Amino acid sequence: MSHRKPHLPQKTCQRCGRPMVWRKRWERCWEEVRYCSEACRRGTPRGRALARSR
């Protein structure tokens, strides 16, 4: 029996527009979740953040 999660709620990230799926750690605050990652929350462009770290 495979374990699938087809019925989880989804949202779209407000900054980048990527879809994000409900996670257990967001169980209590799912209504407040707006961004898919810490980078989107801070507003740093993904490309520039990677270039600086190199």
PDB file of N, CA and C in Angstrom:
ATOM      1  N   MET A   1       0.841  -1.184   0.000  1.00  0.00           N
ATOM      2  CA  MET A   1       0.000   0.000   0.000  1.00  0.00           C
ATOM      3  C   MET A   1       0.883   1.242   0.000  1.00  0.00           C
ATOM      4  N   SER A   2       0.734   2.089  -0.975  1.00  0.00           N
ATOM      5  CA  SER A   2       1.523   3.313  -1.020  1.00  0.00           C
ATOM      6  C   SER A   2       0.830   4.407  -0.215  1.00  0.00           C
ATOM      7  N   HIS A   3       1.614   5.238   0.368  1.00  0.00           N
ATOM      8  CA  HIS A   3       1.093   6.316   1.197  1.00  0.00           C
ATOM      9  C   HIS A   3       1.046   7.588   0.358  1.00  0.00           C
ATOM     10  N   ARG A   4      -0.130   8.016  -0.004  1.00  0.00           N
ATOM     11  CA  ARG A   4      -0.280   9.210  -0.827  1.00  0.00           C
ATOM     12  C   ARG A   4      -1.060  10.260  -0.058  1.00  0.00           C
ATOM     13  N   LYS A   5      -0.833  11.504  -0.409  1.00  0.00           N
ATOM     14  CA  LYS A   5      -1.522  12.597   0.261  1.00  0.00           C
ATOM     15  C   LYS A   5      -2.218  13.476  -0.780  1.00  0.00           C
ATOM     16  N   PRO A   6      -3.247  12.948  -1.423  1.00  0.00           N
ATOM     17  CA  PRO A   6      -3.859  13.694  -2.518  1.00  0.00           C
ATOM     18  C   PRO A   6      -4.794  14.819  -2.085  1.00  0.00           C
ATOM     19  N   HIS A   7      -5.242  14.821  -0.846  1.00  0.00           N
ATOM     20  CA  HIS A   7      -6.276  15.759  -0.425  1.00  0.00           C
ATOM     21  C   HIS A   7      -5.769  16.825   0.538  1.00  0.00           C
ATOM     22  N   LEU A   8      -4.493  17.184   0.460  1.00  0.00           N
ATOM     23  CA  LEU A   8      -3.963  18.219   1.331  1.00  0.00           C
ATOM     24  C   LEU A   8      -4.271  19.596   0.746  1.00  0.00           C
ATOM     25  N   PRO A   9      -4.564  20.572   1.604  1.00  0.00           N
ATOM     26  CA  PRO A   9      -4.834  21.910   1.088  1.00  0.00           C
ATOM     27  C   PRO A   9      -3.590  22.544   0.472  1.00  0.00           C
ATOM     28  N   GLN A  10      -3.809  23.441  -0.475  1.00  0.00           N
ATOM     29  CA  GLN A  10      -2.716  24.125  -1.152  1.00  0.00           C
ATOM     30  C   GLN A  10      -2.940  25.630  -1.103  1.00  0.00           C
ATOM     31  N   LYS A  11      -1.830  26.362  -1.183  1.00  0.00           N
ATOM     32  CA  LYS A  11      -1.849  27.817  -1.281  1.00  0.00           C
ATOM     33  C   LYS A  11      -0.797  28.223  -2.294  1.00  0.00           C
ATOM     34  N   THR A  12      -0.851  29.481  -2.715  1.00  0.00           N
ATOM     35  CA  THR A  12       0.150  30.031  -3.617  1.00  0.00           C
ATOM     36  C   THR A  12       0.976  31.052  -2.857  1.00  0.00           C
ATOM     37  N   CYS A  13       2.279  30.987  -3.005  1.00  0.00           N
ATOM     38  CA  CYS A  13       3.189  31.929  -2.350  1.00  0.00           C
ATOM     39  C   CYS A  13       2.892  33.336  -2.856  1.00  0.00           C
ATOM     40  N   GLN A  14       2.802  34.301  -1.945  1.00  0.00           N
ATOM     41  CA  GLN A  14       2.486  35.672  -2.336  1.00  0.00           C
ATOM     42  C   GLN A  14       3.624  36.342  -3.091  1.00  0.00           C
ATOM     43  N   ARG A  15       4.849  35.922  -2.872  1.00  0.00           N
ATOM     44  CA  ARG A  15       5.977  36.584  -3.531  1.00  0.00           C
ATOM     45  C   ARG A  15       6.316  35.951  -4.877  1.00  0.00           C
ATOM     46  N   CYS A  16       6.507  34.639  -4.909  1.00  0.00           N
ATOM     47  CA  CYS A  16       6.987  34.001  -6.143  1.00  0.00           C
ATOM     48  C   CYS A  16       5.904  33.284  -6.934  1.00  0.00           C
ATOM     49  N   GLY A  17       4.746  33.042  -6.336  1.00  0.00           N
ATOM     50  CA  GLY A  17       3.652  32.399  -7.047  1.00  0.00           C
ATOM     51  C   GLY A  17       3.729  30.893  -7.122  1.00  0.00           C
ATOM     52  N   ARG A  18       4.691  30.300  -6.444  1.00  0.00           N
ATOM     53  CA  ARG A  18       4.801  28.840  -6.456  1.00  0.00           C
ATOM     54  C   ARG A  18       3.732  28.221  -5.555  1.00  0.00           C
ATOM     55  N   PRO A  19       3.227  27.049  -5.939  1.00  0.00           N
ATOM     56  CA  PRO A  19       2.249  26.389  -5.076  1.00  0.00           C
ATOM     57  C   PRO A  19       2.945  25.749  -3.876  1.00  0.00           C
ATOM     58  N   MET A  20       2.287  25.787  -2.736  1.00  0.00           N
ATOM     59  CA  MET A  20       2.818  25.111  -1.552  1.00  0.00           C
ATOM     60  C   MET A  20       1.704  24.285  -0.941  1.00  0.00           C
ATOM     61  N   VAL A  21       2.067  23.125  -0.434  1.00  0.00           N
ATOM     62  CA  VAL A  21       1.125  22.167   0.123  1.00  0.00           C
ATOM     63  C   VAL A  21       1.241  22.181   1.635  1.00  0.00           C
ATOM     64  N   TRP A  22       0.129  21.931   2.305  1.00  0.00           N
ATOM     65  CA  TRP A  22       0.057  21.899   3.757  1.00  0.00           C
ATOM     66  C   TRP A  22       1.117  20.981   4.341  1.00  0.00           C
ATOM     67  N   ARG A  23       1.753  21.422   5.422  1.00  0.00           N
ATOM     68  CA  ARG A  23       2.745  20.618   6.135  1.00  0.00           C
ATOM     69  C   ARG A  23       2.322  20.459   7.581  1.00  0.00           C
ATOM     70  N   LYS A  24       2.724  19.397   8.199  1.00  0.00           N
ATOM     71  CA  LYS A  24       2.373  19.127   9.589  1.00  0.00           C
ATOM     72  C   LYS A  24       2.835  20.265  10.502  1.00  0.00           C
ATOM     73  N   ARG A  25       4.010  20.839  10.248  1.00  0.00           N
ATOM     74  CA  ARG A  25       4.513  21.899  11.108  1.00  0.00           C
ATOM     75  C   ARG A  25       3.709  23.188  10.978  1.00  0.00           C
ATOM     76  N   TRP A  26       2.895  23.306   9.905  1.00  0.00           N
ATOM     77  CA  TRP A  26       2.028  24.461   9.720  1.00  0.00           C
ATOM     78  C   TRP A  26       0.615  24.193  10.233  1.00  0.00           C
ATOM     79  N   GLU A  27       0.411  23.093  10.938  1.00  0.00           N
ATOM     80  CA  GLU A  27      -0.919  22.672  11.351  1.00  0.00           C
ATOM     81  C   GLU A  27      -1.664  23.760  12.127  1.00  0.00           C
ATOM     82  N   ARG A  28      -1.007  24.394  13.065  1.00  0.00           N
ATOM     83  CA  ARG A  28      -1.669  25.388  13.919  1.00  0.00           C
ATOM     84  C   ARG A  28      -1.734  26.774  13.291  1.00  0.00           C
ATOM     85  N   CYS A  29      -0.876  27.054  12.315  1.00  0.00           N
ATOM     86  CA  CYS A  29      -0.819  28.411  11.764  1.00  0.00           C
ATOM     87  C   CYS A  29      -1.042  28.446  10.254  1.00  0.00           C
ATOM     88  N   TRP A  30      -1.717  27.462   9.694  1.00  0.00           N
ATOM     89  CA  TRP A  30      -1.907  27.388   8.241  1.00  0.00           C
ATOM     90  C   TRP A  30      -2.568  28.652   7.680  1.00  0.00           C
ATOM     91  N   GLU A  31      -3.473  29.255   8.414  1.00  0.00           N
ATOM     92  CA  GLU A  31      -4.151  30.465   7.940  1.00  0.00           C
ATOM     93  C   GLU A  31      -3.190  31.637   7.802  1.00  0.00           C
ATOM     94  N   GLU A  32      -2.122  31.673   8.603  1.00  0.00           N
ATOM     95  CA  GLU A  32      -1.166  32.774   8.565  1.00  0.00           C
ATOM     96  C   GLU A  32      -0.011  32.559   7.583  1.00  0.00           C
ATOM     97  N   VAL A  33       0.162  31.350   7.078  1.00  0.00           N
ATOM     98  CA  VAL A  33       1.269  31.053   6.157  1.00  0.00           C
ATOM     99  C   VAL A  33       1.029  31.784   4.841  1.00  0.00           C
ATOM    100  N   ARG A  34       2.022  32.599   4.427  1.00  0.00           N
ATOM    101  CA  ARG A  34       1.890  33.370   3.190  1.00  0.00           C
ATOM    102  C   ARG A  34       3.022  33.109   2.208  1.00  0.00           C
ATOM    103  N   TYR A  35       4.172  32.653   2.692  1.00  0.00           N
ATOM    104  CA  TYR A  35       5.351  32.491   1.835  1.00  0.00           C
ATOM    105  C   TYR A  35       5.832  31.050   1.855  1.00  0.00           C
ATOM    106  N   CYS A  36       6.423  30.616   0.747  1.00  0.00           N
ATOM    107  CA  CYS A  36       6.861  29.222   0.613  1.00  0.00           C
ATOM    108  C   CYS A  36       8.199  28.957   1.295  1.00  0.00           C
ATOM    109  N   SER A  37       8.997  30.011   1.502  1.00  0.00           N
ATOM    110  CA  SER A  37      10.327  29.804   2.074  1.00  0.00           C
ATOM    111  C   SER A  37      10.764  31.035   2.846  1.00  0.00           C
ATOM    112  N   GLU A  38      11.849  30.883   3.563  1.00  0.00           N
ATOM    113  CA  GLU A  38      12.434  32.002   4.303  1.00  0.00           C
ATOM    114  C   GLU A  38      12.938  33.081   3.346  1.00  0.00           C
ATOM    115  N   ALA A  39      13.477  32.682   2.199  1.00  0.00           N
ATOM    116  CA  ALA A  39      13.959  33.642   1.203  1.00  0.00           C
ATOM    117  C   ALA A  39      12.816  34.508   0.691  1.00  0.00           C
ATOM    118  N   CYS A  40      11.673  33.911   0.424  1.00  0.00           N
ATOM    119  CA  CYS A  40      10.520  34.690  -0.030  1.00  0.00           C
ATOM    120  C   CYS A  40      10.012  35.598   1.087  1.00  0.00           C
ATOM    121  N   ARG A  41      10.031  35.119   2.303  1.00  0.00           N
ATOM    122  CA  ARG A  41       9.571  35.935   3.420  1.00  0.00           C
ATOM    123  C   ARG A  41      10.444  37.178   3.581  1.00  0.00           C
ATOM    124  N   ARG A  42      11.753  37.016   3.443  1.00  0.00           N
ATOM    125  CA  ARG A  42      12.682  38.134   3.564  1.00  0.00           C
ATOM    126  C   ARG A  42      12.667  39.038   2.343  1.00  0.00           C
ATOM    127  N   GLY A  43      12.248  38.491   1.206  1.00  0.00           N
ATOM    128  CA  GLY A  43      12.184  39.273  -0.016  1.00  0.00           C
ATOM    129  C   GLY A  43      13.465  39.260  -0.813  1.00  0.00           C
ATOM    130  N   THR A  44      14.359  38.337  -0.514  1.00  0.00           N
ATOM    131  CA  THR A  44      15.609  38.251  -1.270  1.00  0.00           C
ATOM    132  C   THR A  44      15.389  37.444  -2.537  1.00  0.00           C
ATOM    133  N   PRO A  45      15.814  37.974  -3.666  1.00  0.00           N
ATOM    134  CA  PRO A  45      15.700  37.201  -4.912  1.00  0.00           C
ATOM    135  C   PRO A  45      16.563  35.953  -4.831  1.00  0.00           C
ATOM    136  N   ARG A  46      16.059  34.849  -5.275  1.00  0.00           N
ATOM    137  CA  ARG A  46      16.758  33.567  -5.153  1.00  0.00           C
ATOM    138  C   ARG A  46      18.098  33.580  -5.892  1.00  0.00           C
ATOM    139  N   GLY A  47      18.134  34.137  -7.057  1.00  0.00           N
ATOM    140  CA  GLY A  47      19.370  34.136  -7.849  1.00  0.00           C
ATOM    141  C   GLY A  47      20.489  34.916  -7.192  1.00  0.00           C
ATOM    142  N   ARG A  48      20.200  36.111  -6.693  1.00  0.00           N
ATOM    143  CA  ARG A  48      21.217  36.936  -6.067  1.00  0.00           C
ATOM    144  C   ARG A  48      21.714  36.328  -4.762  1.00  0.00           C
ATOM    145  N   ALA A  49      20.822  35.731  -4.004  1.00  0.00           N
ATOM    146  CA  ALA A  49      21.224  35.108  -2.727  1.00  0.00           C
ATOM    147  C   ALA A  49      22.208  33.973  -2.978  1.00  0.00           C
ATOM    148  N   LEU A  50      21.990  33.210  -4.040  1.00  0.00           N
ATOM    149  CA  LEU A  50      22.910  32.113  -4.365  1.00  0.00           C
ATOM    150  C   LEU A  50      24.254  32.650  -4.845  1.00  0.00           C
ATOM    151  N   ALA A  51      24.241  33.712  -5.627  1.00  0.00           N
ATOM    152  CA  ALA A  51      25.484  34.277  -6.154  1.00  0.00           C
ATOM    153  C   ALA A  51      26.371  34.848  -5.045  1.00  0.00           C
ATOM    154  N   ARG A  52      25.767  35.467  -4.050  1.00  0.00           N
ATOM    155  CA  ARG A  52      26.536  36.048  -2.945  1.00  0.00           C
ATOM    156  C   ARG A  52      27.219  35.002  -2.085  1.00  0.00           C
ATOM    157  N   SER A  53      26.594  33.851  -1.938  1.00  0.00           N
ATOM    158  CA  SER A  53      27.162  32.820  -1.061  1.00  0.00           C
ATOM    159  C   SER A  53      28.356  32.121  -1.687  1.00  0.00           C
ATOM    160  N   ARG A  54      28.572  32.280  -2.968  1.00  0.00           N
ATOM    161  CA  ARG A  54      29.692  31.599  -3.637  1.00  0.00           C
ATOM    162  C   ARG A  54      30.953  32.366  -3.573  1.00  0.00           C
TER     163      ARG A  54
END
